[in-house]
C-alpha atoms as a PDB file:
ATOM      1  CA  MET A   1       0.000   0.000   0.000  1.00  0.00           C
ATOM      2  CA  VAL A   2       1.316   3.441  -0.931  1.00  0.00           C
ATOM      3  CA  ASP A   3       2.104   5.470   2.202  1.00  0.00           C
ATOM      4  CA  PHE A   4       2.712   9.134   2.846  1.00  0.00           C
ATOM      5  CA  LYS A   5       6.415   8.631   3.535  1.00  0.00           C
ATOM      6  CA  ALA A   6       6.933   7.179   0.056  1.00  0.00           C
ATOM      7  CA  LEU A   7       4.941   9.987  -1.580  1.00  0.00           C
ATOM      8  CA  GLU A   8       6.781  12.645   0.383  1.00  0.00           C
ATOM      9  CA  THR A   9      10.107  11.084  -0.592  1.00  0.00           C
ATOM     10  CA  PHE A  10       9.085  11.053  -4.243  1.00  0.00           C
ATOM     11  CA  LEU A  11       8.074  14.726  -4.126  1.00  0.00           C
ATOM     12  CA  TRP A  12      11.343  15.758  -2.490  1.00  0.00           C
ATOM     13  CA  VAL A  13      13.359  13.883  -5.103  1.00  0.00           C
ATOM     14  CA  VAL A  14      11.460  15.706  -7.852  1.00  0.00           C
ATOM     15  CA  THR A  15      11.640  19.066  -6.067  1.00  0.00           C
ATOM     16  CA  LEU A  16      15.375  18.849  -5.388  1.00  0.00           C
ATOM     17  CA  GLY A  17      16.240  16.958  -8.559  1.00  0.00           C
ATOM     18  CA  SER A  18      18.348  14.298  -6.874  1.00  0.00           C
ATOM     19  CA  PHE A  19      18.290  11.361  -4.462  1.00  0.00           C
ATOM     20  CA  ARG A  20      21.172  12.923  -2.561  1.00  0.00           C
ATOM     21  CA  GLY A  21      19.311  16.189  -1.989  1.00  0.00           C
ATOM     22  CA  ALA A  22      16.206  14.346  -0.814  1.00  0.00           C
ATOM     23  CA  ALA A  23      18.305  12.258   1.575  1.00  0.00           C
ATOM     24  CA  GLN A  24      19.820  15.390   3.131  1.00  0.00           C
ATOM     25  CA  LYS A  25      16.418  17.046   3.430  1.00  0.00           C
ATOM     26  CA  LEU A  26      14.800  14.010   5.040  1.00  0.00           C
ATOM     27  CA  ASN A  27      17.798  13.244   7.289  1.00  0.00           C
ATOM     28  CA  THR A  28      18.314   9.782   5.895  1.00  0.00           C
ATOM     29  CA  THR A  29      20.669   7.969   3.537  1.00  0.00           C
ATOM     30  CA  GLN A  30      20.699   7.912  -0.237  1.00  0.00           C
ATOM     31  CA  PRO A  31      20.185   4.101  -0.332  1.00  0.00           C
ATOM     32  CA  ALA A  32      17.098   4.545   1.868  1.00  0.00           C
ATOM     33  CA  ILE A  33      15.693   7.065  -0.602  1.00  0.00           C
ATOM     34  CA  SER A  34      16.405   4.718  -3.518  1.00  0.00           C
ATOM     35  CA  GLN A  35      14.691   1.877  -1.683  1.00  0.00           C
ATOM     36  CA  ARG A  36      11.544   3.955  -1.026  1.00  0.00           C
ATOM     37  CA  ILE A  37      11.325   5.024  -4.679  1.00  0.00           C
ATOM     38  CA  ALA A  38      11.904   1.475  -5.907  1.00  0.00           C
ATOM     39  CA  GLN A  39       9.177   0.168  -3.582  1.00  0.00           C
ATOM     40  CA  LEU A  40       6.782   2.890  -4.782  1.00  0.00           C
ATOM     41  CA  GLU A  41       7.482   2.001  -8.423  1.00  0.00           C
ATOM     42  CA  ARG A  42       6.879  -1.702  -7.703  1.00  0.00           C
ATOM     43  CA  GLU A  43       3.566  -0.984  -5.979  1.00  0.00           C
ATOM     44  CA  LEU A  44       2.332   1.208  -8.824  1.00  0.00           C
ATOM     45  CA  GLY A  45       3.835  -0.936 -11.568  1.00  0.00           C
ATOM     46  CA  VAL A  46       5.316   2.032 -13.478  1.00  0.00           C
ATOM     47  CA  ARG A  47       8.592   3.879 -13.663  1.00  0.00           C
ATOM     48  CA  LEU A  48       8.295   7.248 -11.933  1.00  0.00           C
ATOM     49  CA  LEU A  49      11.731   8.813 -12.302  1.00  0.00           C
ATOM     50  CA  GLN A  50      14.207   9.235 -15.108  1.00  0.00           C
ATOM     51  CA  ARG A  51      17.812   9.274 -13.894  1.00  0.00           C
ATOM     52  CA  ASP A  52      20.246  11.194 -16.098  1.00  0.00           C
ATOM     53  CA  HIS A  53      23.657  12.584 -15.146  1.00  0.00           C
ATOM     54  CA  ARG A  54      22.915  12.351 -11.427  1.00  0.00           C
ATOM     55  CA  MET A  55      19.688  14.309 -11.922  1.00  0.00           C
ATOM     56  CA  ALA A  56      16.247  12.816 -11.345  1.00  0.00           C
ATOM     57  CA  SER A  57      13.242  14.033 -13.320  1.00  0.00           C
ATOM     58  CA  PRO A  58       9.699  12.637 -13.404  1.00  0.00           C
ATOM     59  CA  THR A  59       8.519  10.388 -16.218  1.00  0.00           C
ATOM     60  CA  PRO A  60       5.044  10.998 -17.705  1.00  0.00           C
ATOM     61  CA  SER A  61       3.636   8.639 -15.056  1.00  0.00           C
ATOM     62  CA  GLY A  62       5.685  10.469 -12.428  1.00  0.00           C
ATOM     63  CA  ARG A  63       4.198  13.803 -13.456  1.00  0.00           C
ATOM     64  CA  GLN A  64       0.715  12.352 -13.089  1.00  0.00           C
ATOM     65  CA  LEU A  65       1.583  11.032  -9.651  1.00  0.00           C
ATOM     66  CA  MET A  66       2.924  14.460  -8.650  1.00  0.00           C
ATOM     67  CA  LEU A  67      -0.510  16.033  -9.106  1.00  0.00           C
ATOM     68  CA  TYR A  68      -2.169  13.583  -6.751  1.00  0.00           C
ATOM     69  CA  ALA A  69       0.754  13.367  -4.322  1.00  0.00           C
ATOM     70  CA  GLU A  70       0.813  17.150  -3.889  1.00  0.00           C
ATOM     71  CA  LYS A  71      -2.927  17.140  -3.166  1.00  0.00           C
ATOM     72  CA  LEU A  72      -2.624  14.313  -0.650  1.00  0.00           C
ATOM     73  CA  ILE A  73       0.364  15.832   1.153  1.00  0.00           C
ATOM     74  CA  GLY A  74      -1.350  19.226   1.130  1.00  0.00           C
ATOM     75  CA  LEU A  75      -4.539  17.792   2.622  1.00  0.00           C
ATOM     76  CA  ARG A  76      -2.559  15.974   5.288  1.00  0.00           C
ATOM     77  CA  THR A  77      -0.729  19.208   6.159  1.00  0.00           C
ATOM     78  CA  GLU A  78      -4.010  21.107   6.295  1.00  0.00           C
ATOM     79  CA  MET A  79      -5.573  18.440   8.490  1.00  0.00           C
ATOM     80  CA  LEU A  80      -2.655  18.500  10.941  1.00  0.00           C
ATOM     81  CA  ALA A  81      -2.677  22.297  11.045  1.00  0.00           C
ATOM     82  CA  VAL A  82      -6.380  22.365  11.939  1.00  0.00           C
ATOM     83  CA  VAL A  83      -6.651  19.357  14.241  1.00  0.00           C
ATOM     84  CA  SER A  84      -3.300  18.932  15.966  1.00  0.00           C
ATOM     85  CA  ASP A  85      -2.028  20.666  19.082  1.00  0.00           C
ATOM     86  CA  GLN A  86      -0.019  23.709  17.946  1.00  0.00           C
ATOM     87  CA  SER A  87       2.512  23.235  20.722  1.00  0.00           C
ATOM     88  CA  SER A  88       3.398  19.843  19.257  1.00  0.00           C
ATOM     89  CA  MET A  89       5.044  21.455  16.204  1.00  0.00           C
ATOM     90  CA  ARG A  90       8.742  20.982  16.757  1.00  0.00           C
ATOM     91  CA  GLY A  91      12.098  21.212  15.021  1.00  0.00           C
ATOM     92  CA  VAL A  92      14.344  24.000  13.751  1.00  0.00           C
ATOM     93  CA  LEU A  93      13.288  26.640  11.234  1.00  0.00           C
ATOM     94  CA  ARG A  94      16.144  28.426   9.477  1.00  0.00           C
ATOM     95  CA  LEU A  95      15.059  32.041   9.081  1.00  0.00           C
ATOM     96  CA  GLY A  96      16.919  34.687   7.079  1.00  0.00           C
ATOM     97  CA  VAL A  97      16.104  38.311   7.904  1.00  0.00           C
ATOM     98  CA  ALA A  98      16.972  41.715   6.459  1.00  0.00           C
ATOM     99  CA  GLU A  99      18.218  44.025   9.199  1.00  0.00           C
ATOM    100  CA  THR A 100      15.427  46.562   8.734  1.00  0.00           C
ATOM    101  CA  ILE A 101      13.093  43.904  10.167  1.00  0.00           C
ATOM    102  CA  VAL A 102      15.495  43.284  13.070  1.00  0.00           C
ATOM    103  CA  HIS A 103      15.250  46.967  14.012  1.00  0.00           C
ATOM    104  CA  THR A 104      11.459  46.939  13.934  1.00  0.00           C
ATOM    105  CA  TRP A 105       9.142  44.003  14.685  1.00  0.00           C
ATOM    106  CA  LEU A 106      11.330  40.858  14.703  1.00  0.00           C
ATOM    107  CA  PRO A 107      11.373  40.717  18.539  1.00  0.00           C
ATOM    108  CA  ARG A 108       7.559  40.597  18.538  1.00  0.00           C
ATOM    109  CA  LEU A 109       7.617  37.696  16.093  1.00  0.00           C
ATOM    110  CA  ILE A 110      10.111  35.750  18.204  1.00  0.00           C
ATOM    111  CA  GLU A 111       7.973  36.301  21.299  1.00  0.00           C
ATOM    112  CA  ARG A 112       4.860  35.107  19.438  1.00  0.00           C
ATOM    113  CA  VAL A 113       6.594  31.981  18.090  1.00  0.00           C
ATOM    114  CA  ASN A 114       7.943  31.155  21.556  1.00  0.00           C
ATOM    115  CA  ARG A 115       4.459  31.432  23.008  1.00  0.00           C
ATOM    116  CA  LEU A 116       2.512  29.542  20.336  1.00  0.00           C
ATOM    117  CA  TYR A 117       5.104  26.950  19.319  1.00  0.00           C
ATOM    118  CA  PRO A 118       7.336  26.310  22.342  1.00  0.00           C
ATOM    119  CA  ASN A 119       8.939  23.272  20.694  1.00  0.00           C
ATOM    120  CA  LEU A 120       9.899  25.122  17.503  1.00  0.00           C
ATOM    121  CA  SER A 121      13.344  26.735  17.421  1.00  0.00           C
ATOM    122  CA  LEU A 122      14.280  29.622  15.141  1.00  0.00           C
ATOM    123  CA  GLU A 123      17.786  29.670  13.708  1.00  0.00           C
ATOM    124  CA  ILE A 124      18.052  33.326  12.667  1.00  0.00           C
ATOM    125  CA  GLU A 125      20.602  34.655  10.199  1.00  0.00           C
ATOM    126  CA  VAL A 126      20.760  38.344   9.260  1.00  0.00           C
ATOM    127  CA  ASP A 127      21.989  39.327   5.810  1.00  0.00           C
ATOM    128  CA  ILE A 128      21.417  41.629   2.851  1.00  0.00           C
ATOM    129  CA  THR A 129      18.606  40.804   0.443  1.00  0.00           C
ATOM    130  CA  PRO A 130      20.770  39.597  -2.508  1.00  0.00           C
ATOM    131  CA  ASN A 131      22.446  37.089  -0.207  1.00  0.00           C
ATOM    132  CA  LEU A 132      19.148  36.030   1.331  1.00  0.00           C
ATOM    133  CA  ARG A 133      17.711  35.353  -2.141  1.00  0.00           C
ATOM    134  CA  ALA A 134      20.696  33.194  -3.075  1.00  0.00           C
ATOM    135  CA  ARG A 135      20.626  31.311   0.219  1.00  0.00           C
ATOM    136  CA  LEU A 136      16.909  30.633  -0.033  1.00  0.00           C
ATOM    137  CA  LEU A 137      17.250  29.215  -3.549  1.00  0.00           C
ATOM    138  CA  ALA A 138      20.229  27.141  -2.373  1.00  0.00           C
ATOM    139  CA  GLN A 139      18.053  25.854   0.514  1.00  0.00           C
ATOM    140  CA  GLU A 140      20.473  27.114   3.125  1.00  0.00           C
ATOM    141  CA  ILE A 141      17.525  28.877   4.774  1.00  0.00           C
ATOM    142  CA  GLU A 142      13.842  27.923   4.682  1.00  0.00           C
ATOM    143  CA  LEU A 143      12.112  31.282   5.145  1.00  0.00           C
ATOM    144  CA  ALA A 144      13.341  34.769   4.289  1.00  0.00           C
ATOM    145  CA  PHE A 145      12.115  38.238   5.192  1.00  0.00           C
ATOM    146  CA  LEU A 146      13.624  40.341   2.437  1.00  0.00           C
ATOM    147  CA  LEU A 147      13.067  43.051  -0.138  1.00  0.00           C
ATOM    148  CA  GLY A 148      10.789  41.455  -2.663  1.00  0.00           C
ATOM    149  CA  PRO A 149       8.982  39.957  -4.219  1.00  0.00           C
ATOM    150  CA  MET A 150      11.048  37.101  -5.598  1.00  0.00           C
ATOM    151  CA  THR A 151      10.011  36.088  -9.108  1.00  0.00           C
ATOM    152  CA  ALA A 152      11.247  32.484  -9.232  1.00  0.00           C
ATOM    153  CA  SER A 153       8.460  30.042 -10.060  1.00  0.00           C
ATOM    154  CA  THR A 154       9.464  27.799  -7.147  1.00  0.00           C
ATOM    155  CA  VAL A 155       9.078  30.571  -4.568  1.00  0.00           C
ATOM    156  CA  ARG A 156       5.953  31.474  -2.610  1.00  0.00           C
ATOM    157  CA  SER A 157       5.701  34.985  -1.140  1.00  0.00           C
ATOM    158  CA  ARG A 158       3.483  37.098   1.106  1.00  0.00           C
ATOM    159  CA  VAL A 159       3.753  40.875   1.426  1.00  0.00           C
ATOM    160  CA  LEU A 160       4.854  41.911   4.906  1.00  0.00           C
ATOM    161  CA  CYS A 161       5.146  45.694   5.010  1.00  0.00           C
ATOM    162  CA  ASP A 162       6.290  48.865   3.271  1.00  0.00           C
ATOM    163  CA  TYR A 163       8.807  51.208   4.896  1.00  0.00           C
ATOM    164  CA  ALA A 164       9.202  54.822   3.837  1.00  0.00           C
ATOM    165  CA  ILE A 165      12.755  56.033   3.220  1.00  0.00           C
ATOM    166  CA  GLY A 166      13.748  59.355   4.757  1.00  0.00           C
ATOM    167  CA  PHE A 167      16.688  61.744   4.743  1.00  0.00           C
ATOM    168  CA  LEU A 168      17.901  62.040   8.330  1.00  0.00           C
ATOM    169  CA  ALA A 169      20.623  64.136   9.902  1.00  0.00           C
ATOM    170  CA  SER A 170      21.964  65.346  13.215  1.00  0.00           C
ATOM    171  CA  PRO A 171      20.782  68.826  14.225  1.00  0.00           C
ATOM    172  CA  SER A 172      24.490  69.711  14.429  1.00  0.00           C
ATOM    173  CA  LEU A 173      24.649  69.859  10.620  1.00  0.00           C
ATOM    174  CA  GLY A 174      22.495  72.984  10.734  1.00  0.00           C
ATOM    175  CA  LEU A 175      20.061  71.941   8.036  1.00  0.00           C
ATOM    176  CA  GLY A 176      16.899  73.988   8.417  1.00  0.00           C
ATOM    177  CA  ASP A 177      13.256  73.047   8.491  1.00  0.00           C
ATOM    178  CA  GLY A 178      12.510  74.256   4.970  1.00  0.00           C
ATOM    179  CA  GLU A 179      12.437  72.110   1.858  1.00  0.00           C
ATOM    180  CA  LEU A 180      15.913  70.986   0.774  1.00  0.00           C
ATOM    181  CA  ALA A 181      16.912  70.319  -2.823  1.00  0.00           C
ATOM    182  CA  VAL A 182      19.381  67.690  -3.991  1.00  0.00           C
ATOM    183  CA  GLU A 183      22.012  70.457  -4.321  1.00  0.00           C
ATOM    184  CA  ASP A 184      21.671  71.197  -0.608  1.00  0.00           C
ATOM    185  CA  LEU A 185      22.072  67.563   0.419  1.00  0.00           C
ATOM    186  CA  ALA A 186      24.952  66.898  -1.992  1.00  0.00           C
ATOM    187  CA  LYS A 187      27.169  69.212   0.081  1.00  0.00           C
ATOM    188  CA  PHE A 188      27.294  66.470   2.721  1.00  0.00           C
ATOM    189  CA  PRO A 189      28.397  62.832   2.656  1.00  0.00           C
ATOM    190  CA  ILE A 190      25.451  60.495   2.123  1.00  0.00           C
ATOM    191  CA  ILE A 191      25.281  57.395   4.335  1.00  0.00           C
ATOM    192  CA  THR A 192      23.095  54.489   3.248  1.00  0.00           C
ATOM    193  CA  PHE A 193      22.702  50.806   2.458  1.00  0.00           C
ATOM    194  CA  PRO A 194      25.575  48.633   1.189  1.00  0.00           C
ATOM    195  CA  ARG A 195      26.472  48.041  -2.419  1.00  0.00           C
ATOM    196  CA  LYS A 196      24.526  45.460  -4.442  1.00  0.00           C
ATOM    197  CA  THR A 197      21.266  46.466  -2.789  1.00  0.00           C
ATOM    198  CA  GLN A 198      18.322  48.150  -4.480  1.00  0.00           C
ATOM    199  CA  PRO A 199      18.250  51.160  -2.085  1.00  0.00           C
ATOM    200  CA  TYR A 200      21.963  51.832  -2.645  1.00  0.00           C
ATOM    201  CA  GLU A 201      21.483  52.016  -6.414  1.00  0.00           C
ATOM    202  CA  ILE A 202      18.500  54.365  -6.053  1.00  0.00           C
ATOM    203  CA  VAL A 203      20.405  56.711  -3.736  1.00  0.00           C
ATOM    204  CA  ARG A 204      23.463  56.613  -5.970  1.00  0.00           C
ATOM    205  CA  SER A 205      21.388  57.568  -9.020  1.00  0.00           C
ATOM    206  CA  LEU A 206      19.987  60.613  -7.185  1.00  0.00           C
ATOM    207  CA  PHE A 207      23.394  62.091  -6.383  1.00  0.00           C
ATOM    208  CA  ASN A 208      25.629  60.809  -9.183  1.00  0.00           C
ATOM    209  CA  LYS A 209      24.883  63.654 -11.625  1.00  0.00           C
ATOM    210  CA  PRO A 210      27.207  65.971 -13.604  1.00  0.00           C
ATOM    211  CA  GLU A 211      25.710  69.171 -12.161  1.00  0.00           C
ATOM    212  CA  LEU A 212      26.360  68.044  -8.560  1.00  0.00           C
ATOM    213  CA  PRO A 213      29.642  67.895  -6.624  1.00  0.00           C
ATOM    214  CA  PRO A 214      31.455  64.527  -6.766  1.00  0.00           C
ATOM    215  CA  ILE A 215      29.360  62.046  -4.822  1.00  0.00           C
ATOM    216  CA  ARG A 216      30.512  61.109  -1.320  1.00  0.00           C
ATOM    217  CA  LEU A 217      28.516  57.980  -0.662  1.00  0.00           C
ATOM    218  CA  HIS A 218      29.305  55.974   2.466  1.00  0.00           C
ATOM    219  CA  ALA A 219      27.801  52.498   2.135  1.00  0.00           C
ATOM    220  CA  SER A 220      27.656  50.398   5.289  1.00  0.00           C
ATOM    221  CA  ALA A 221      26.629  46.813   5.850  1.00  0.00           C
ATOM    222  CA  SER A 222      25.237  47.686   9.280  1.00  0.00           C
ATOM    223  CA  LEU A 223      22.218  49.865   9.932  1.00  0.00           C
ATOM    224  CA  GLY A 224      23.498  50.430  13.449  1.00  0.00           C
ATOM    225  CA  THR A 225      26.659  51.930  11.970  1.00  0.00           C
ATOM    226  CA  VAL A 226      24.661  54.143   9.598  1.00  0.00           C
ATOM    227  CA  ILE A 227      22.544  55.450  12.473  1.00  0.00           C
ATOM    228  CA  HIS A 228      25.583  56.111  14.666  1.00  0.00           C
ATOM    229  CA  MET A 229      27.404  57.971  11.891  1.00  0.00           C
ATOM    230  CA  ALA A 230      24.357  60.155  11.282  1.00  0.00           C
ATOM    231  CA  ILE A 231      23.987  60.964  14.997  1.00  0.00           C
ATOM    232  CA  GLU A 232      27.655  61.968  15.084  1.00  0.00           C
ATOM    233  CA  GLY A 233      27.041  64.422  12.240  1.00  0.00           C
ATOM    234  CA  LEU A 234      29.193  62.578   9.710  1.00  0.00           C
ATOM    235  CA  GLY A 235      26.637  62.888   6.924  1.00  0.00           C
ATOM    236  CA  VAL A 236      23.006  62.568   5.891  1.00  0.00           C
ATOM    237  CA  ALA A 237      21.527  59.090   6.352  1.00  0.00           C
ATOM    238  CA  VAL A 238      19.082  57.719   3.793  1.00  0.00           C
ATOM    239  CA  ILE A 239      17.311  54.853   5.578  1.00  0.00           C
ATOM    240  CA  PRO A 240      13.802  53.776   6.682  1.00  0.00           C
ATOM    241  CA  THR A 241      12.431  56.266   9.199  1.00  0.00           C
ATOM    242  CA  ALA A 242      10.705  53.494  11.164  1.00  0.00           C
ATOM    243  CA  ILE A 243      14.002  52.237  12.556  1.00  0.00           C
ATOM    244  CA  VAL A 244      14.956  55.559  14.192  1.00  0.00           C
ATOM    245  CA  GLU A 245      11.751  56.395  16.079  1.00  0.00           C
ATOM    246  CA  ASN A 246      13.654  56.801  19.355  1.00  0.00           C
ATOM    247  CA  GLU A 247      16.383  58.943  17.798  1.00  0.00           C
ATOM    248  CA  LEU A 248      13.771  61.232  16.221  1.00  0.00           C
ATOM    249  CA  THR A 249      11.796  61.499  19.460  1.00  0.00           C
ATOM    250  CA  ASP A 250      14.783  62.447  21.611  1.00  0.00           C
ATOM    251  CA  GLY A 251      16.180  64.856  19.031  1.00  0.00           C
ATOM    252  CA  ARG A 252      19.396  63.071  18.165  1.00  0.00           C
ATOM    253  CA  LEU A 253      18.201  62.945  14.552  1.00  0.00           C
ATOM    254  CA  LYS A 254      15.792  65.075  12.548  1.00  0.00           C
ATOM    255  CA  LEU A 255      13.778  64.174   9.462  1.00  0.00           C
ATOM    256  CA  LEU A 256      14.691  66.486   6.613  1.00  0.00           C
ATOM    257  CA  HIS A 257      12.107  67.852   4.212  1.00  0.00           C
ATOM    258  CA  THR A 258      13.246  67.385   0.621  1.00  0.00           C
ATOM    259  CA  ASN A 259      11.852  67.441  -2.892  1.00  0.00           C
ATOM    260  CA  LEU A 260      13.357  64.012  -3.589  1.00  0.00           C
ATOM    261  CA  LYS A 261      11.126  60.974  -3.947  1.00  0.00           C
ATOM    262  CA  ILE A 262      12.352  57.479  -3.077  1.00  0.00           C
ATOM    263  CA  PRO A 263       9.910  54.580  -3.370  1.00  0.00           C
ATOM    264  CA  PRO A 264       9.201  52.762  -0.107  1.00  0.00           C
ATOM    265  CA  LEU A 265      10.919  49.469   0.622  1.00  0.00           C
ATOM    266  CA  ARG A 266       8.529  46.545   0.315  1.00  0.00           C
ATOM    267  CA  PHE A 267       9.428  43.480   2.347  1.00  0.00           C
ATOM    268  CA  THR A 268       8.033  40.017   1.748  1.00  0.00           C
ATOM    269  CA  ALA A 269       8.105  36.650   3.446  1.00  0.00           C
ATOM    270  CA  SER A 270       9.390  34.161   0.875  1.00  0.00           C
ATOM    271  CA  TRP A 271       9.877  30.401   0.942  1.00  0.00           C
ATOM    272  CA  LEU A 272      10.345  27.543  -1.502  1.00  0.00           C
ATOM    273  CA  ALA A 273       7.331  25.508  -2.552  1.00  0.00           C
ATOM    274  CA  SER A 274       7.829  22.009  -1.177  1.00  0.00           C
ATOM    275  CA  PRO A 275       5.815  18.981  -0.021  1.00  0.00           C
ATOM    276  CA  ASP A 276       5.566  20.018   3.620  1.00  0.00           C
ATOM    277  CA  THR A 277       5.752  23.693   4.571  1.00  0.00           C
ATOM    278  CA  VAL A 278       3.376  23.802   7.515  1.00  0.00           C
ATOM    279  CA  ALA A 279       5.886  25.270   9.999  1.00  0.00           C
ATOM    280  CA  ILE A 280       7.199  27.759   7.435  1.00  0.00           C
ATOM    281  CA  GLU A 281       3.742  28.945   6.467  1.00  0.00           C
ATOM    282  CA  ARG A 282       2.612  29.285  10.089  1.00  0.00           C
ATOM    283  CA  VAL A 283       5.602  31.496  10.939  1.00  0.00           C
ATOM    284  CA  ALA A 284       5.104  33.466   7.712  1.00  0.00           C
ATOM    285  CA  GLU A 285       1.449  34.062   8.616  1.00  0.00           C
ATOM    286  CA  LEU A 286       2.462  35.249  12.082  1.00  0.00           C
ATOM    287  CA  ALA A 287       4.929  37.654  10.472  1.00  0.00           C
ATOM    288  CA  VAL A 288       2.257  38.981   8.115  1.00  0.00           C
ATOM    289  CA  ASP A 289      -0.134  39.506  11.029  1.00  0.00           C
ATOM    290  CA  ILE A 290       2.462  41.353  13.119  1.00  0.00           C
ATOM    291  CA  ALA A 291       3.676  43.497  10.225  1.00  0.00           C
ATOM    292  CA  HIS A 292       0.138  44.397   9.130  1.00  0.00           C
ATOM    293  CA  SER A 293      -0.894  45.256  12.666  1.00  0.00           C
ATOM    294  CA  GLY A 294       1.500  48.181  12.742  1.00  0.00           C
ATOM    295  CA  GLY A 295       5.000  46.996  11.914  1.00  0.00           C
ATOM    296  CA  PHE A 296       7.362  48.883  14.172  1.00  0.00           C
ATOM    297  CA  MET A 297       5.841  49.869  17.506  1.00  0.00           C
ATOM    298  CA  PRO A 298       7.699  52.122  19.999  1.00  0.00           C
ATOM    299  CA  GLU A 299       7.419  49.577  22.796  1.00  0.00           C
ATOM    300  CA  THR A 300       9.491  47.103  20.764  1.00  0.00           C
ATOM    301  CA  ALA A 301      12.513  49.431  20.586  1.00  0.00           C
ATOM    302  CA  PRO A 302      14.246  48.157  23.763  1.00  0.00           C
ATOM    303  CA  ALA A 303      13.801  44.553  22.663  1.00  0.00           C
ATOM    304  CA  ALA A 304      15.060  45.379  19.172  1.00  0.00           C
ATOM    305  CA  ALA A 305      18.087  47.147  20.589  1.00  0.00           C
ATOM    306  CA  GLN A 306      18.842  44.196  22.845  1.00  0.00           C
ATOM    307  CA  LEU A 307      18.557  41.811  19.892  1.00  0.00           C
ATOM    308  CA  ARG A 308      20.906  43.966  17.764  1.00  0.00           C
ATOM    309  CA  GLU A 309      23.564  43.831  20.471  1.00  0.00           C
ATOM    310  CA  HIS A 310      23.804  40.065  19.989  1.00  0.00           C
ATOM    311  CA  LEU A 311      24.190  40.172  16.196  1.00  0.00           C
ATOM    312  CA  PRO A 312      27.690  39.290  14.926  1.00  0.00           C
ATOM    313  CA  ALA A 313      29.297  42.594  13.931  1.00  0.00           C
ATOM    314  CA  SER A 314      31.155  41.027  10.994  1.00  0.00           C
ATOM    315  CA  GLU A 315      28.019  39.981   9.114  1.00  0.00           C
ATOM    316  CA  PRO A 316      26.466  42.160   6.438  1.00  0.00           C
ATOM    317  CA  VAL A 317      23.080  42.985   7.840  1.00  0.00           C
ATOM    318  CA  ILE A 318      21.046  45.368   5.711  1.00  0.00           C
ATOM    319  CA  GLY A 319      18.004  44.625   3.591  1.00  0.00           C
END
């Protein structure tokens, strides 16, 4: 009789394209995967996989089976999500996060996961969006909160939140309250996101013009560093305003009024489509709920600051 383990194994082999990949995903051996597929083929009386140059692809019969197997696995996942005790969900979820989220509502998400799923551990890695995309596709992480959306056909995404970008500076720079043009801002160094990120390219295009002084663009892989440099009066920071609520409230930074328009940063929760994503989708839904309920809230600032203190300083950590 065909069982769920055999169907799940078959789907992982097809999804990952190899017996080896499926074995790593399912924490078993490659011979065990081969044995499950062989048993499934014997029970159904057809060949399901075509093996070519170490790659496994479904035969016509295998593609037919995929349609039904995905429905069955999906129904089983839905049933367990509705009927089972939430606290019984266990394991480790590898989560990749852009640092903008770390500075805003990530602590609230961690608290919610701890409360609802006490047996589920989050393995959190903070990185820039290009790296998070690559790591998600390479299956080094299972869920990513990043600038999106991702367009790969194998990726599922949910919109989390939009963050407005502002021009921020220390009052010591003496920039007034009136509207500032790009010529006014170009007199100062500009501090922003690291290279290879979408915000960096947008900021660079605004100031890299023949009629302006040579651009002085300081790109940092740490939002904490960007904020500190701006507070010290070392330049004008171009970052999401939501992450400096405390600094704006206590006067260490001021929001400048300009005639420049920068589109908001849209963050998404993204994960790979796979046979069993119940834990991933539950955490993604929690993230959507928290982000939609207000994103960054002032009361989360101490927790966010405490979390940032424990981030490895050597890692690139901007969205």
